[in-house]
Protein backbone atom coordinates (compact mmCIF):
# COMPACT_ATOMS: atom_id res chain seq x y z
CA PHE A 1 -19.95 31.60 14.65
CA MET A 2 -20.06 27.91 15.49
CA THR A 3 -21.76 25.50 13.14
CA MET A 4 -24.61 23.32 14.51
CA ALA A 5 -22.30 20.26 14.37
CA GLU A 6 -19.58 22.09 16.40
CA ARG A 7 -22.16 23.23 18.93
CA ILE A 8 -23.54 19.67 19.35
CA SER A 9 -19.98 18.37 19.67
CA ASN A 10 -19.19 20.87 22.42
CA GLU A 11 -22.47 20.10 24.16
CA ARG A 12 -21.68 16.35 23.99
CA LYS A 13 -18.20 16.99 25.52
CA ASN A 14 -19.78 19.02 28.29
CA LEU A 15 -22.33 16.31 29.04
CA THR A 16 -19.59 13.72 29.12
CA ARG A 17 -17.54 15.90 31.54
CA LEU A 18 -20.52 16.45 33.79
CA SER A 19 -21.44 12.72 33.70
CA GLY A 20 -18.03 11.87 35.06
CA GLU A 21 -18.13 14.51 37.76
CA PHE A 22 -21.62 13.49 38.90
CA LEU A 23 -20.78 9.80 38.82
CA VAL A 24 -17.72 10.27 41.05
CA SER A 25 -19.65 12.61 43.39
CA SER A 26 -22.45 10.04 43.60
CA ARG A 27 -20.09 7.12 44.37
CA LEU A 28 -18.35 9.23 47.06
CA THR A 29 -21.57 10.32 48.77
CA GLN A 30 -22.95 6.75 48.64
CA ARG A 31 -19.88 5.72 50.65
CA GLY A 32 -20.40 8.48 53.25
CA TYR A 33 -17.92 11.08 52.01
CA MET A 34 -18.69 14.74 52.14
CA VAL A 35 -18.10 16.47 48.81
CA SER A 36 -18.20 19.89 47.22
CA LEU A 37 -18.35 20.21 43.43
CA GLN A 38 -16.38 23.12 41.99
CA TRP A 39 -17.93 24.83 38.99
CA GLY A 40 -15.67 26.48 36.46
CA SER A 41 -12.30 25.69 35.05
CA THR A 42 -9.85 27.98 36.88
CA ILE A 43 -9.72 26.44 40.35
CA GLY A 44 -7.51 23.38 39.56
CA TYR A 45 -9.83 20.61 40.77
CA ASP A 46 -13.42 19.44 40.19
CA ILE A 47 -14.38 17.87 43.53
CA LEU A 48 -13.26 18.67 47.07
CA VAL A 49 -13.67 15.71 49.47
CA PHE A 50 -13.43 16.66 53.13
CA ASP A 51 -14.16 15.42 56.67
CA LYS A 52 -14.95 16.81 60.09
CA ASP A 53 -11.29 16.53 61.17
CA GLY A 54 -10.15 18.97 58.52
CA GLN A 55 -8.71 16.41 56.11
CA ASN A 56 -9.28 16.95 52.43
CA ALA A 57 -8.55 15.60 48.98
CA PHE A 58 -8.69 17.42 45.66
CA LEU A 59 -10.02 15.41 42.73
CA GLU A 60 -9.74 16.20 39.06
CA ILE A 61 -12.15 14.18 36.98
CA LYS A 62 -11.27 13.03 33.45
CA THR A 63 -14.01 11.21 31.52
CA THR A 64 -13.95 9.26 28.27
CA ALA A 65 -17.13 8.16 26.53
CA SER A 66 -15.68 7.02 23.18
CA ASN A 67 -12.23 5.60 23.73
CA PRO A 68 -12.13 2.84 26.39
CA GLY A 69 -9.20 3.27 28.75
CA ARG A 70 -7.87 6.42 27.08
CA TRP A 71 -7.91 10.00 28.32
CA PRO A 72 -6.20 13.11 26.96
CA LEU A 73 -4.42 14.86 29.84
CA GLN A 74 -2.86 18.33 29.89
CA LYS A 75 0.88 18.60 30.20
CA LYS A 76 0.55 19.65 33.88
CA TYR A 77 -0.24 16.04 34.88
CA ALA A 78 3.27 14.97 34.15
CA HIS A 79 4.57 17.36 36.83
CA PRO A 80 2.14 17.54 39.80
CA GLU A 81 4.88 18.84 42.05
CA HIS A 82 4.67 22.19 40.18
CA GLY A 83 0.94 22.61 40.93
CA ALA A 84 -0.68 24.60 43.69
CA ILE A 85 -2.13 21.41 45.26
CA SER A 86 0.14 19.12 47.29
CA PRO A 87 0.62 15.90 45.29
CA LYS A 88 -0.24 13.97 48.47
CA ARG A 89 -3.76 15.50 48.49
CA HIS A 90 -4.21 15.52 44.67
CA PHE A 91 -5.98 12.74 42.79
CA VAL A 92 -7.00 12.17 39.21
CA CYS A 93 -10.17 10.15 38.70
CA CYS A 94 -10.28 8.64 35.24
CA VAL A 95 -13.87 7.71 34.44
CA ASP A 96 -14.43 5.20 31.67
CA LEU A 97 -17.97 5.46 30.29
CA ALA A 98 -16.89 3.84 27.03
CA ALA A 99 -16.15 0.36 28.41
CA SER A 100 -19.67 -0.10 29.84
CA ARG A 101 -22.37 2.55 30.18
CA ASP A 102 -24.18 0.27 32.67
CA ASP A 103 -21.17 -0.07 35.00
CA PRO A 104 -18.63 2.72 34.31
CA ARG A 105 -15.18 2.23 35.74
CA VAL A 106 -13.65 4.89 38.02
CA TYR A 107 -9.89 4.78 38.52
CA VAL A 108 -8.88 6.83 41.56
CA PHE A 109 -5.21 7.58 40.81
CA PRO A 110 -2.92 9.60 43.05
CA ALA A 111 -1.48 12.49 40.99
CA SER A 112 2.01 10.95 41.41
CA VAL A 113 0.86 7.64 39.81
CA VAL A 114 -0.46 9.52 36.80
CA ALA A 115 2.80 11.45 36.48
CA ASP A 116 4.86 8.22 36.71
CA GLY A 117 2.56 6.65 34.16
CA LEU A 118 2.94 9.51 31.72
CA LYS A 119 6.73 9.47 32.08
CA TYR A 120 6.68 5.72 31.36
CA ALA A 121 4.32 6.05 28.40
CA TYR A 122 6.43 8.74 26.80
CA SER A 123 9.74 7.12 27.73
CA GLY A 124 10.61 10.35 29.55
CA ARG A 125 10.59 12.29 26.26
CA PHE A 126 7.48 14.45 26.03
CA SER A 127 6.34 16.04 22.85
CA LYS A 128 5.70 19.78 22.54
CA SER A 129 1.97 19.06 22.48
CA PRO A 130 -0.09 20.62 25.30
CA THR A 131 -1.97 17.31 25.62
CA TYR A 132 -0.65 13.82 26.43
CA ARG A 133 -2.40 10.55 25.86
CA PHE A 134 -2.98 8.44 28.97
CA ALA A 135 -3.84 5.10 27.35
CA LEU A 136 -3.98 2.10 29.69
CA ASP A 137 -3.60 -0.55 27.03
CA ALA A 138 -0.76 1.12 25.14
CA LYS A 139 2.91 0.29 25.45
CA PRO A 140 5.47 3.08 25.83
CA ARG A 141 6.38 5.25 22.88
CA GLY A 142 9.17 3.60 20.87
CA ARG A 143 8.57 0.21 22.50
CA THR A 144 5.26 -0.81 21.03
CA HIS A 145 6.77 -3.89 19.31
CA GLU A 146 8.70 -5.15 22.32
CA ALA A 147 6.98 -8.22 23.79
CA GLU A 148 8.50 -7.61 27.18
CA ALA A 149 7.36 -3.98 27.38
CA ALA A 150 4.42 -3.62 29.82
CA THR A 151 1.30 -1.74 28.95
CA LEU A 152 0.61 1.37 30.97
CA ARG A 153 -2.24 -0.52 32.73
CA ASP A 154 0.27 -3.17 33.96
CA TYR A 155 3.06 -0.72 34.70
CA ILE A 156 0.95 1.43 37.13
CA LYS A 157 -1.24 -1.52 38.21
CA ALA A 158 -4.29 0.46 37.11
CA ASP A 159 -6.89 -2.10 38.11
CA THR A 160 -5.85 -1.84 41.75
CA TYR A 161 -7.10 1.82 41.71
CA ILE A 162 -10.70 1.04 40.63
CA ASP A 163 -13.09 2.70 43.11
CA ARG A 164 -10.29 3.16 45.64
CA TYR A 165 -11.81 6.11 47.53
CA ASP A 166 -10.32 4.80 50.74
CA GLN A 167 -6.87 6.08 49.75
CA LEU A 168 -8.00 9.73 49.76
CA GLY A 169 -6.98 10.15 53.42
CA VAL A 170 -10.42 11.48 54.28
CA ALA A 171 -12.82 9.82 56.74
CA PRO A 172 -16.32 8.97 55.58
CA LEU A 173 -19.16 9.79 57.99
CA GLY A 174 -19.93 7.09 60.50
CA LYS A 175 -16.43 5.58 60.39
């Protein structure tokens, strides 16, 4: 049986996850995109964005509410080419509720940018852990004291991906 504290912790995680998914869905629909939310964890994406011409994009939403600019990502994100979704149609939206609850940041990263960022952050040497840390303000493993080593944020130019729904390759209505 779960303790009350464990149950509250799981409920809080679920609320955080849902907050991120609803926030991204809301921002997309405000901009005229058609979306479909996917419930459950087996499908491989959280939001399908599509248009009348048959173009689509598959978004996975990762949300942090307690660690600004840091998300735990599963091992699969380092190798999107092995997934069922074409990396060209696959995006990872990192939602940062921790930085500002009034104006959360949404980074719309192509899956390939996340993979490149993870390879950089881990200097190409991944641990056996099933989870990797995607921390924008961290320097690569083994290079944290090198002044010339770029943070992950700078390396992948993270701030250029804030609210970049236009790169999904899907036409919003009325455009």
